[in-house]
Amino acid sequence: MCRWIAYRGETTSFEPYVTEPEHSLIAQSIRSLQSTAGSNGDGFGLGWYGEHPEPGLYRETRPAWSDENLRYLCRHLRSHLFFAHVRAATGTAVTRQNCHPFACGQWMFMHNGFVGSWNRLRRKVEALIPDAYYPSRLGTTDSEAVFLAMMGAGLENDPLRATEAVLQALVGLVNEDGLRERLRFTSAIANGRDLYAFRVSVNDAANTLYFREDGGQVIVVSEPFDKESDWTEVPPNHALIARASESVKIVPFDPAISGDSGAEPVPVRRIIARR
């Protein structure tokens, strides 16, 4: 499975979060400690917000550990909201268009997971993308298709409801004809101001997700990049909401069961990140 990090807070360089820590994203691309994939070497990507409403992207098919440009970029790029992602492909080609993050308008998306039997379900999932958004379909991944379907479901107006609607459709597809295919959806979306993350799974265990909050700074990660004890685990089938100028909220998010993403925030379990 892929590894990723999302940051929202004061403007900063990427280096202290992406490349500098002992268990940095580059280190995780070589050896992840909480992933089923031994390595995450099928490309990487950076996404960030600056002076323009739409995000900037830098994506490459080389492994993160072998691209000397990545360290220079992370030292010099600065943003108040950025994504970084290292990829472990789940059956689609290793191309730049398939590397995360993905962008559409002012929205940015990255994903750790998969839609089971993608070759069988691809046409049905792509049918969820409205014509207005299909020209943004540049790659072949399930991740990009799900993102564009979310855009078409109203992501700009209500991110939680749009995500819920698409996931409910996916649950129907993976469970059709009694097949019970696996679905893992650990993802992040942002619009330059607000950050949302999801840890959802159907017919399978959910991929890991943690966050750290300090004042107005929020860091969301697939796995902790240091040994500090202030990481909080996002429970399975929950969403993280980090709107601008607001504290983080964790809400139940299980479209396979409740179909209600408007539930009240619930407490989460603070853990010590083990290395």
C-alpha atoms as a PDB file:
ATOM      1  CA  MET A   1       0.000   0.000   0.000  1.00  0.00           C
ATOM      2  CA  CYS A   2       1.037   3.602  -0.569  1.00  0.00           C
ATOM      3  CA  ARG A   3       2.251   6.036   2.097  1.00  0.00           C
ATOM      4  CA  TRP A   4       1.367   9.710   2.335  1.00  0.00           C
ATOM      5  CA  ILE A   5       1.442  12.864   4.417  1.00  0.00           C
ATOM      6  CA  ALA A   6      -0.852  15.907   4.434  1.00  0.00           C
ATOM      7  CA  TYR A   7      -0.005  19.204   6.154  1.00  0.00           C
ATOM      8  CA  ARG A   8      -2.149  22.250   6.941  1.00  0.00           C
ATOM      9  CA  GLY A   9      -0.897  25.140   9.065  1.00  0.00           C
ATOM     10  CA  GLU A  10       1.608  27.974   9.014  1.00  0.00           C
ATOM     11  CA  THR A  11       3.567  28.323   5.785  1.00  0.00           C
ATOM     12  CA  THR A  12       6.621  26.081   5.989  1.00  0.00           C
ATOM     13  CA  SER A  13       9.037  24.129   3.840  1.00  0.00           C
ATOM     14  CA  PHE A  14       8.279  20.476   3.118  1.00  0.00           C
ATOM     15  CA  GLU A  15      11.650  19.302   4.419  1.00  0.00           C
ATOM     16  CA  PRO A  16      10.843  18.920   8.156  1.00  0.00           C
ATOM     17  CA  TYR A  17       7.945  16.626   7.327  1.00  0.00           C
ATOM     18  CA  VAL A  18       8.747  14.829   4.076  1.00  0.00           C
ATOM     19  CA  THR A  19      12.505  14.230   3.859  1.00  0.00           C
ATOM     20  CA  GLU A  20      14.162  15.134   7.168  1.00  0.00           C
ATOM     21  CA  PRO A  21      12.583  12.869   9.863  1.00  0.00           C
ATOM     22  CA  GLU A  22      14.228   9.573  10.767  1.00  0.00           C
ATOM     23  CA  HIS A  23      11.267   7.662   9.377  1.00  0.00           C
ATOM     24  CA  SER A  24      10.531  10.155   6.609  1.00  0.00           C
ATOM     25  CA  LEU A  25       8.371   9.504   3.604  1.00  0.00           C
ATOM     26  CA  ILE A  26      11.540   8.687   1.670  1.00  0.00           C
ATOM     27  CA  ALA A  27      12.442   6.107   4.329  1.00  0.00           C
ATOM     28  CA  GLN A  28       8.905   4.726   4.116  1.00  0.00           C
ATOM     29  CA  SER A  29       9.249   4.387   0.354  1.00  0.00           C
ATOM     30  CA  ILE A  30      12.114   1.969   1.013  1.00  0.00           C
ATOM     31  CA  ARG A  31      10.605   0.194   4.009  1.00  0.00           C
ATOM     32  CA  SER A  32       7.238   0.930   5.539  1.00  0.00           C
ATOM     33  CA  LEU A  33       6.600  -0.346   9.056  1.00  0.00           C
ATOM     34  CA  GLN A  34       2.791  -0.451   8.929  1.00  0.00           C
ATOM     35  CA  SER A  35       2.053  -1.440   5.357  1.00  0.00           C
ATOM     36  CA  THR A  36       1.464  -4.719   3.562  1.00  0.00           C
ATOM     37  CA  ALA A  37       3.805  -3.539   0.795  1.00  0.00           C
ATOM     38  CA  GLY A  38       7.506  -4.097   1.418  1.00  0.00           C
ATOM     39  CA  SER A  39       8.395  -0.924  -0.466  1.00  0.00           C
ATOM     40  CA  ASN A  40       6.639   1.978  -2.141  1.00  0.00           C
ATOM     41  CA  GLY A  41       8.804   2.562  -5.181  1.00  0.00           C
ATOM     42  CA  ASP A  42       6.300   3.013  -8.020  1.00  0.00           C
ATOM     43  CA  GLY A  43       6.641   6.773  -8.218  1.00  0.00           C
ATOM     44  CA  PHE A  44       5.942   9.715  -5.949  1.00  0.00           C
ATOM     45  CA  GLY A  45       4.295  13.098  -6.003  1.00  0.00           C
ATOM     46  CA  LEU A  46       4.006  16.470  -4.294  1.00  0.00           C
ATOM     47  CA  GLY A  47       1.000  18.790  -4.343  1.00  0.00           C
ATOM     48  CA  TRP A  48       0.777  22.237  -2.759  1.00  0.00           C
ATOM     49  CA  TYR A  49      -1.084  25.529  -2.653  1.00  0.00           C
ATOM     50  CA  GLY A  50       0.566  28.890  -3.171  1.00  0.00           C
ATOM     51  CA  GLU A  51      -0.438  32.110  -4.891  1.00  0.00           C
ATOM     52  CA  HIS A  52      -3.002  30.513  -7.199  1.00  0.00           C
ATOM     53  CA  PRO A  53      -6.302  28.869  -6.245  1.00  0.00           C
ATOM     54  CA  GLU A  54      -5.422  25.638  -8.043  1.00  0.00           C
ATOM     55  CA  PRO A  55      -2.673  23.423  -6.574  1.00  0.00           C
ATOM     56  CA  GLY A  56       0.780  22.905  -8.029  1.00  0.00           C
ATOM     57  CA  LEU A  57       1.904  19.338  -8.774  1.00  0.00           C
ATOM     58  CA  TYR A  58       5.223  17.563  -9.191  1.00  0.00           C
ATOM     59  CA  ARG A  59       4.955  13.853  -9.989  1.00  0.00           C
ATOM     60  CA  GLU A  60       7.609  11.383 -11.040  1.00  0.00           C
ATOM     61  CA  THR A  61       7.734   7.661 -11.848  1.00  0.00           C
ATOM     62  CA  ARG A  62      11.143   7.076 -10.272  1.00  0.00           C
ATOM     63  CA  PRO A  63      11.246   5.802  -6.672  1.00  0.00           C
ATOM     64  CA  ALA A  64      11.384   8.631  -4.135  1.00  0.00           C
ATOM     65  CA  TRP A  65      14.702   7.379  -2.790  1.00  0.00           C
ATOM     66  CA  SER A  66      16.406   7.671  -6.175  1.00  0.00           C
ATOM     67  CA  ASP A  67      15.296  11.139  -7.276  1.00  0.00           C
ATOM     68  CA  GLU A  68      17.792  13.777  -6.186  1.00  0.00           C
ATOM     69  CA  ASN A  69      15.358  16.528  -7.167  1.00  0.00           C
ATOM     70  CA  LEU A  70      12.961  15.586  -4.383  1.00  0.00           C
ATOM     71  CA  ARG A  71      15.252  16.664  -1.553  1.00  0.00           C
ATOM     72  CA  TYR A  72      15.965  20.016  -3.205  1.00  0.00           C
ATOM     73  CA  LEU A  73      12.290  20.638  -3.873  1.00  0.00           C
ATOM     74  CA  CYS A  74      11.310  19.810  -0.298  1.00  0.00           C
ATOM     75  CA  ARG A  75      13.943  22.173   1.067  1.00  0.00           C
ATOM     76  CA  HIS A  76      12.854  25.130  -1.054  1.00  0.00           C
ATOM     77  CA  LEU A  77       9.102  24.677  -1.645  1.00  0.00           C
ATOM     78  CA  ARG A  78       6.940  26.396   0.981  1.00  0.00           C
ATOM     79  CA  SER A  79       3.198  26.119   1.528  1.00  0.00           C
ATOM     80  CA  HIS A  80       0.469  26.341   4.147  1.00  0.00           C
ATOM     81  CA  LEU A  81      -1.179  23.179   2.780  1.00  0.00           C
ATOM     82  CA  PHE A  82       0.605  20.393   0.953  1.00  0.00           C
ATOM     83  CA  PHE A  83       0.450  16.678   0.135  1.00  0.00           C
ATOM     84  CA  ALA A  84       3.271  14.194  -0.411  1.00  0.00           C
ATOM     85  CA  HIS A  85       2.761  10.610  -1.603  1.00  0.00           C
ATOM     86  CA  VAL A  86       4.861   7.533  -2.406  1.00  0.00           C
ATOM     87  CA  ARG A  87       3.155   4.892  -4.510  1.00  0.00           C
ATOM     88  CA  ALA A  88       2.900   1.123  -4.430  1.00  0.00           C
ATOM     89  CA  ALA A  89       0.979   0.258  -7.583  1.00  0.00           C
ATOM     90  CA  THR A  90      -1.935  -2.175  -7.311  1.00  0.00           C
ATOM     91  CA  GLY A  91      -2.117  -3.325 -10.914  1.00  0.00           C
ATOM     92  CA  THR A  92      -2.097  -0.185 -13.048  1.00  0.00           C
ATOM     93  CA  ALA A  93       0.888   1.118 -14.977  1.00  0.00           C
ATOM     94  CA  VAL A  94       3.727   3.101 -13.445  1.00  0.00           C
ATOM     95  CA  THR A  95       3.253   6.360 -15.331  1.00  0.00           C
ATOM     96  CA  ARG A  96       3.342  10.014 -14.313  1.00  0.00           C
ATOM     97  CA  GLN A  97      -0.413  10.319 -14.905  1.00  0.00           C
ATOM     98  CA  ASN A  98      -0.999   7.518 -12.387  1.00  0.00           C
ATOM     99  CA  CYS A  99       1.099   9.081  -9.634  1.00  0.00           C
ATOM    100  CA  HIS A 100      -0.617  10.916  -6.805  1.00  0.00           C
ATOM    101  CA  PRO A 101      -1.745  13.547  -5.896  1.00  0.00           C
ATOM    102  CA  PHE A 102      -4.445  14.291  -8.454  1.00  0.00           C
ATOM    103  CA  ALA A 103      -5.924  17.755  -9.026  1.00  0.00           C
ATOM    104  CA  CYS A 104      -9.149  19.071 -10.518  1.00  0.00           C
ATOM    105  CA  GLY A 105      -9.897  22.775 -10.272  1.00  0.00           C
ATOM    106  CA  GLN A 106      -8.966  23.914  -6.797  1.00  0.00           C
ATOM    107  CA  TRP A 107      -9.277  20.417  -5.296  1.00  0.00           C
ATOM    108  CA  MET A 108      -6.466  17.952  -4.654  1.00  0.00           C
ATOM    109  CA  PHE A 109      -6.736  14.256  -3.767  1.00  0.00           C
ATOM    110  CA  MET A 110      -4.470  11.357  -2.820  1.00  0.00           C
ATOM    111  CA  HIS A 111      -5.270   7.797  -1.860  1.00  0.00           C
ATOM    112  CA  ASN A 112      -3.923   4.695  -0.162  1.00  0.00           C
ATOM    113  CA  GLY A 113      -6.020   1.670  -1.023  1.00  0.00           C
ATOM    114  CA  PHE A 114      -7.801   0.023  -3.923  1.00  0.00           C
ATOM    115  CA  VAL A 115     -11.114  -1.002  -5.439  1.00  0.00           C
ATOM    116  CA  GLY A 116     -11.144  -4.801  -5.620  1.00  0.00           C
ATOM    117  CA  SER A 117     -11.110  -6.433  -9.077  1.00  0.00           C
ATOM    118  CA  TRP A 118     -10.471  -3.100 -10.763  1.00  0.00           C
ATOM    119  CA  ASN A 119     -10.305  -4.627 -14.233  1.00  0.00           C
ATOM    120  CA  ARG A 120     -13.838  -5.979 -13.784  1.00  0.00           C
ATOM    121  CA  LEU A 121     -15.275  -2.841 -12.197  1.00  0.00           C
ATOM    122  CA  ARG A 122     -13.395  -0.130 -14.059  1.00  0.00           C
ATOM    123  CA  ARG A 123     -16.093   0.708 -16.607  1.00  0.00           C
ATOM    124  CA  LYS A 124     -18.780   0.856 -13.932  1.00  0.00           C
ATOM    125  CA  VAL A 125     -16.721   3.130 -11.694  1.00  0.00           C
ATOM    126  CA  GLU A 126     -15.786   5.402 -14.582  1.00  0.00           C
ATOM    127  CA  ALA A 127     -19.487   5.634 -15.425  1.00  0.00           C
ATOM    128  CA  LEU A 128     -19.877   7.528 -12.134  1.00  0.00           C
ATOM    129  CA  ILE A 129     -17.813  10.400 -13.597  1.00  0.00           C
ATOM    130  CA  PRO A 130     -20.042  13.051 -15.226  1.00  0.00           C
ATOM    131  CA  ASP A 131     -19.137  14.178 -18.746  1.00  0.00           C
ATOM    132  CA  ALA A 132     -18.035  17.596 -17.462  1.00  0.00           C
ATOM    133  CA  TYR A 133     -15.250  16.005 -15.410  1.00  0.00           C
ATOM    134  CA  TYR A 134     -14.223  13.138 -17.676  1.00  0.00           C
ATOM    135  CA  PRO A 135     -11.690  15.260 -19.652  1.00  0.00           C
ATOM    136  CA  SER A 136      -9.672  15.378 -16.402  1.00  0.00           C
ATOM    137  CA  ARG A 137      -9.343  11.580 -16.524  1.00  0.00           C
ATOM    138  CA  LEU A 138      -5.668  11.416 -17.568  1.00  0.00           C
ATOM    139  CA  GLY A 139      -4.559   8.108 -16.033  1.00  0.00           C
ATOM    140  CA  THR A 140      -5.917   4.613 -15.480  1.00  0.00           C
ATOM    141  CA  THR A 141      -6.029   4.258 -11.684  1.00  0.00           C
ATOM    142  CA  ASP A 142      -9.050   3.532  -9.543  1.00  0.00           C
ATOM    143  CA  SER A 143      -7.938   6.426  -7.311  1.00  0.00           C
ATOM    144  CA  GLU A 144      -8.273   9.089  -9.994  1.00  0.00           C
ATOM    145  CA  ALA A 145     -11.615   7.690 -11.166  1.00  0.00           C
ATOM    146  CA  VAL A 146     -13.018   7.776  -7.632  1.00  0.00           C
ATOM    147  CA  PHE A 147     -11.775  11.357  -7.163  1.00  0.00           C
ATOM    148  CA  LEU A 148     -13.457  12.580 -10.338  1.00  0.00           C
ATOM    149  CA  ALA A 149     -16.644  10.770  -9.370  1.00  0.00           C
ATOM    150  CA  MET A 150     -16.498  12.651  -6.062  1.00  0.00           C
ATOM    151  CA  MET A 151     -16.081  15.918  -7.962  1.00  0.00           C
ATOM    152  CA  GLY A 152     -19.160  15.074  -9.977  1.00  0.00           C
ATOM    153  CA  ALA A 153     -21.102  14.212  -6.826  1.00  0.00           C
ATOM    154  CA  GLY A 154     -20.664  17.733  -5.458  1.00  0.00           C
ATOM    155  CA  LEU A 155     -17.294  17.758  -3.694  1.00  0.00           C
ATOM    156  CA  GLU A 156     -17.031  21.531  -4.012  1.00  0.00           C
ATOM    157  CA  ASN A 157     -20.293  22.085  -2.120  1.00  0.00           C
ATOM    158  CA  ASP A 158     -20.266  19.297   0.481  1.00  0.00           C
ATOM    159  CA  PRO A 159     -17.108  17.150   0.640  1.00  0.00           C
ATOM    160  CA  LEU A 160     -18.479  14.675   3.171  1.00  0.00           C
ATOM    161  CA  ARG A 161     -21.756  14.037   1.378  1.00  0.00           C
ATOM    162  CA  ALA A 162     -20.065  13.759  -2.016  1.00  0.00           C
ATOM    163  CA  THR A 163     -17.516  11.261  -0.695  1.00  0.00           C
ATOM    164  CA  GLU A 164     -20.236   9.299   1.057  1.00  0.00           C
ATOM    165  CA  ALA A 165     -22.358   9.117  -2.097  1.00  0.00           C
ATOM    166  CA  VAL A 166     -19.504   7.753  -4.190  1.00  0.00           C
ATOM    167  CA  LEU A 167     -18.417   5.264  -1.533  1.00  0.00           C
ATOM    168  CA  GLN A 168     -21.966   3.994  -1.227  1.00  0.00           C
ATOM    169  CA  ALA A 169     -21.961   3.376  -4.975  1.00  0.00           C
ATOM    170  CA  LEU A 170     -18.617   1.578  -4.682  1.00  0.00           C
ATOM    171  CA  VAL A 171     -19.913  -0.578  -1.834  1.00  0.00           C
ATOM    172  CA  GLY A 172     -22.766  -1.659  -4.098  1.00  0.00           C
ATOM    173  CA  LEU A 173     -20.334  -2.530  -6.884  1.00  0.00           C
ATOM    174  CA  VAL A 174     -17.861  -4.543  -4.785  1.00  0.00           C
ATOM    175  CA  ASN A 175     -20.737  -6.476  -3.184  1.00  0.00           C
ATOM    176  CA  GLU A 176     -22.753  -7.138  -6.351  1.00  0.00           C
ATOM    177  CA  ASP A 177     -23.621 -10.753  -7.163  1.00  0.00           C
ATOM    178  CA  GLY A 178     -22.458 -11.720  -3.670  1.00  0.00           C
ATOM    179  CA  LEU A 179     -18.768 -11.397  -4.614  1.00  0.00           C
ATOM    180  CA  ARG A 180     -17.774  -9.241  -1.610  1.00  0.00           C
ATOM    181  CA  GLU A 181     -14.684  -7.735  -3.199  1.00  0.00           C
ATOM    182  CA  ARG A 182     -12.372  -5.710  -0.969  1.00  0.00           C
ATOM    183  CA  LEU A 183     -12.419  -1.917  -0.817  1.00  0.00           C
ATOM    184  CA  ARG A 184      -9.856   0.212   0.999  1.00  0.00           C
ATOM    185  CA  PHE A 185     -10.182   3.984   1.010  1.00  0.00           C
ATOM    186  CA  THR A 186      -7.660   5.866   3.145  1.00  0.00           C
ATOM    187  CA  SER A 187      -7.440   9.227   1.467  1.00  0.00           C
ATOM    188  CA  ALA A 188      -7.070  12.991   1.784  1.00  0.00           C
ATOM    189  CA  ILE A 189      -8.723  15.864  -0.065  1.00  0.00           C
ATOM    190  CA  ALA A 190      -8.132  19.611   0.175  1.00  0.00           C
ATOM    191  CA  ASN A 191      -9.213  22.847  -1.469  1.00  0.00           C
ATOM    192  CA  GLY A 192      -6.434  25.189  -0.357  1.00  0.00           C
ATOM    193  CA  ARG A 193      -8.148  26.031   2.936  1.00  0.00           C
ATOM    194  CA  ASP A 194      -9.768  22.925   4.361  1.00  0.00           C
ATOM    195  CA  LEU A 195      -8.360  19.425   4.732  1.00  0.00           C
ATOM    196  CA  TYR A 196     -10.337  16.197   4.976  1.00  0.00           C
ATOM    197  CA  ALA A 197      -9.097  12.636   5.433  1.00  0.00           C
ATOM    198  CA  PHE A 198     -10.913   9.291   5.434  1.00  0.00           C
ATOM    199  CA  ARG A 199     -10.136   5.838   6.785  1.00  0.00           C
ATOM    200  CA  VAL A 200     -12.713   3.475   5.326  1.00  0.00           C
ATOM    201  CA  SER A 201     -12.751  -0.182   4.341  1.00  0.00           C
ATOM    202  CA  VAL A 202     -15.306  -2.743   3.236  1.00  0.00           C
ATOM    203  CA  ASN A 203     -14.779  -6.518   3.410  1.00  0.00           C
ATOM    204  CA  ASP A 204     -11.214  -5.873   4.617  1.00  0.00           C
ATOM    205  CA  ALA A 205      -9.106  -4.216   7.315  1.00  0.00           C
ATOM    206  CA  ALA A 206      -8.604  -0.466   6.929  1.00  0.00           C
ATOM    207  CA  ASN A 207      -5.189   0.974   6.122  1.00  0.00           C
ATOM    208  CA  THR A 208      -3.610   2.935   8.959  1.00  0.00           C
ATOM    209  CA  LEU A 209      -4.089   6.678   9.482  1.00  0.00           C
ATOM    210  CA  TYR A 210      -2.788   9.037  12.185  1.00  0.00           C
ATOM    211  CA  PHE A 211      -2.789  12.749  12.883  1.00  0.00           C
ATOM    212  CA  ARG A 212      -1.098  15.305  15.087  1.00  0.00           C
ATOM    213  CA  GLU A 213      -2.547  18.709  15.989  1.00  0.00           C
ATOM    214  CA  ASP A 214      -0.604  21.580  17.531  1.00  0.00           C
ATOM    215  CA  GLY A 215      -2.420  24.885  17.581  1.00  0.00           C
ATOM    216  CA  GLY A 216      -3.402  25.621  14.015  1.00  0.00           C
ATOM    217  CA  GLN A 217      -1.041  23.003  12.578  1.00  0.00           C
ATOM    218  CA  VAL A 218      -2.446  19.652  11.477  1.00  0.00           C
ATOM    219  CA  ILE A 219      -0.367  16.760  10.113  1.00  0.00           C
ATOM    220  CA  VAL A 220      -2.088  13.623   8.795  1.00  0.00           C
ATOM    221  CA  VAL A 221       0.017  10.577   7.912  1.00  0.00           C
ATOM    222  CA  SER A 222      -0.245   6.957   6.853  1.00  0.00           C
ATOM    223  CA  GLU A 223       2.212   6.148   9.604  1.00  0.00           C
ATOM    224  CA  PRO A 224       4.144   8.315  12.096  1.00  0.00           C
ATOM    225  CA  PHE A 225       7.455   9.697  10.876  1.00  0.00           C
ATOM    226  CA  ASP A 226       8.964  10.048  14.374  1.00  0.00           C
ATOM    227  CA  LYS A 227       8.827   8.480  17.834  1.00  0.00           C
ATOM    228  CA  GLU A 228       6.853  11.264  19.487  1.00  0.00           C
ATOM    229  CA  SER A 229       3.874  10.087  21.548  1.00  0.00           C
ATOM    230  CA  ASP A 230       1.381  12.708  20.431  1.00  0.00           C
ATOM    231  CA  TRP A 231       0.080  10.890  17.351  1.00  0.00           C
ATOM    232  CA  THR A 232      -3.611  10.023  17.404  1.00  0.00           C
ATOM    233  CA  GLU A 233      -4.998   7.110  15.427  1.00  0.00           C
ATOM    234  CA  VAL A 234      -8.054   7.778  13.291  1.00  0.00           C
ATOM    235  CA  PRO A 235     -10.390   4.833  13.971  1.00  0.00           C
ATOM    236  CA  PRO A 236     -11.546   2.665  11.058  1.00  0.00           C
ATOM    237  CA  ASN A 237     -14.583   3.991   9.205  1.00  0.00           C
ATOM    238  CA  HIS A 238     -14.128   7.548  10.406  1.00  0.00           C
ATOM    239  CA  ALA A 239     -13.352  10.866   8.754  1.00  0.00           C
ATOM    240  CA  LEU A 240     -11.049  13.664   9.855  1.00  0.00           C
ATOM    241  CA  ILE A 241     -12.249  17.231   9.297  1.00  0.00           C
ATOM    242  CA  ALA A 242      -9.665  20.031   9.561  1.00  0.00           C
ATOM    243  CA  ARG A 243     -11.342  23.185   8.334  1.00  0.00           C
ATOM    244  CA  ALA A 244      -9.428  26.464   8.324  1.00  0.00           C
ATOM    245  CA  SER A 245      -9.306  28.134  11.752  1.00  0.00           C
ATOM    246  CA  GLU A 246     -11.073  25.184  13.396  1.00  0.00           C
ATOM    247  CA  SER A 247      -9.858  22.329  15.574  1.00  0.00           C
ATOM    248  CA  VAL A 248      -9.733  18.832  14.130  1.00  0.00           C
ATOM    249  CA  LYS A 249     -12.929  16.805  14.332  1.00  0.00           C
ATOM    250  CA  ILE A 250     -13.217  13.034  13.974  1.00  0.00           C
ATOM    251  CA  VAL A 251     -16.648  11.809  12.870  1.00  0.00           C
ATOM    252  CA  PRO A 252     -18.058   8.339  12.128  1.00  0.00           C
ATOM    253  CA  PHE A 253     -18.019   7.654   8.419  1.00  0.00           C
ATOM    254  CA  ASP A 254     -19.271   4.231   7.425  1.00  0.00           C
ATOM    255  CA  PRO A 255     -21.384   4.392   4.275  1.00  0.00           C
ATOM    256  CA  ALA A 256     -21.529   0.593   4.201  1.00  0.00           C
ATOM    257  CA  ILE A 257     -23.526   0.573   7.439  1.00  0.00           C
ATOM    258  CA  SER A 258     -25.052   3.856   8.492  1.00  0.00           C
ATOM    259  CA  GLY A 259     -25.078   6.038   5.394  1.00  0.00           C
ATOM    260  CA  ASP A 260     -24.849   9.036   7.735  1.00  0.00           C
ATOM    261  CA  SER A 261     -21.767  11.257   7.679  1.00  0.00           C
ATOM    262  CA  GLY A 262     -23.453  13.953   9.750  1.00  0.00           C
ATOM    263  CA  ALA A 263     -22.880  12.258  13.105  1.00  0.00           C
ATOM    264  CA  GLU A 264     -21.429  14.036  16.104  1.00  0.00           C
ATOM    265  CA  PRO A 265     -17.640  13.995  16.663  1.00  0.00           C
ATOM    266  CA  VAL A 266     -16.409  11.109  18.785  1.00  0.00           C
ATOM    267  CA  PRO A 267     -13.273  10.755  20.938  1.00  0.00           C
ATOM    268  CA  VAL A 268     -10.326   8.961  19.414  1.00  0.00           C
ATOM    269  CA  ARG A 269      -7.635   6.834  20.977  1.00  0.00           C
ATOM    270  CA  ARG A 270      -4.246   8.446  21.556  1.00  0.00           C
ATOM    271  CA  ILE A 271      -1.419   6.009  21.042  1.00  0.00           C
ATOM    272  CA  ILE A 272       2.315   5.947  21.205  1.00  0.00           C
ATOM    273  CA  ALA A 273       3.663   5.440  17.731  1.00  0.00           C
ATOM    274  CA  ARG A 274       5.812   2.334  17.705  1.00  0.00           C
ATOM    275  CA  ARG A 275       8.899   2.072  15.581  1.00  0.00           C
END
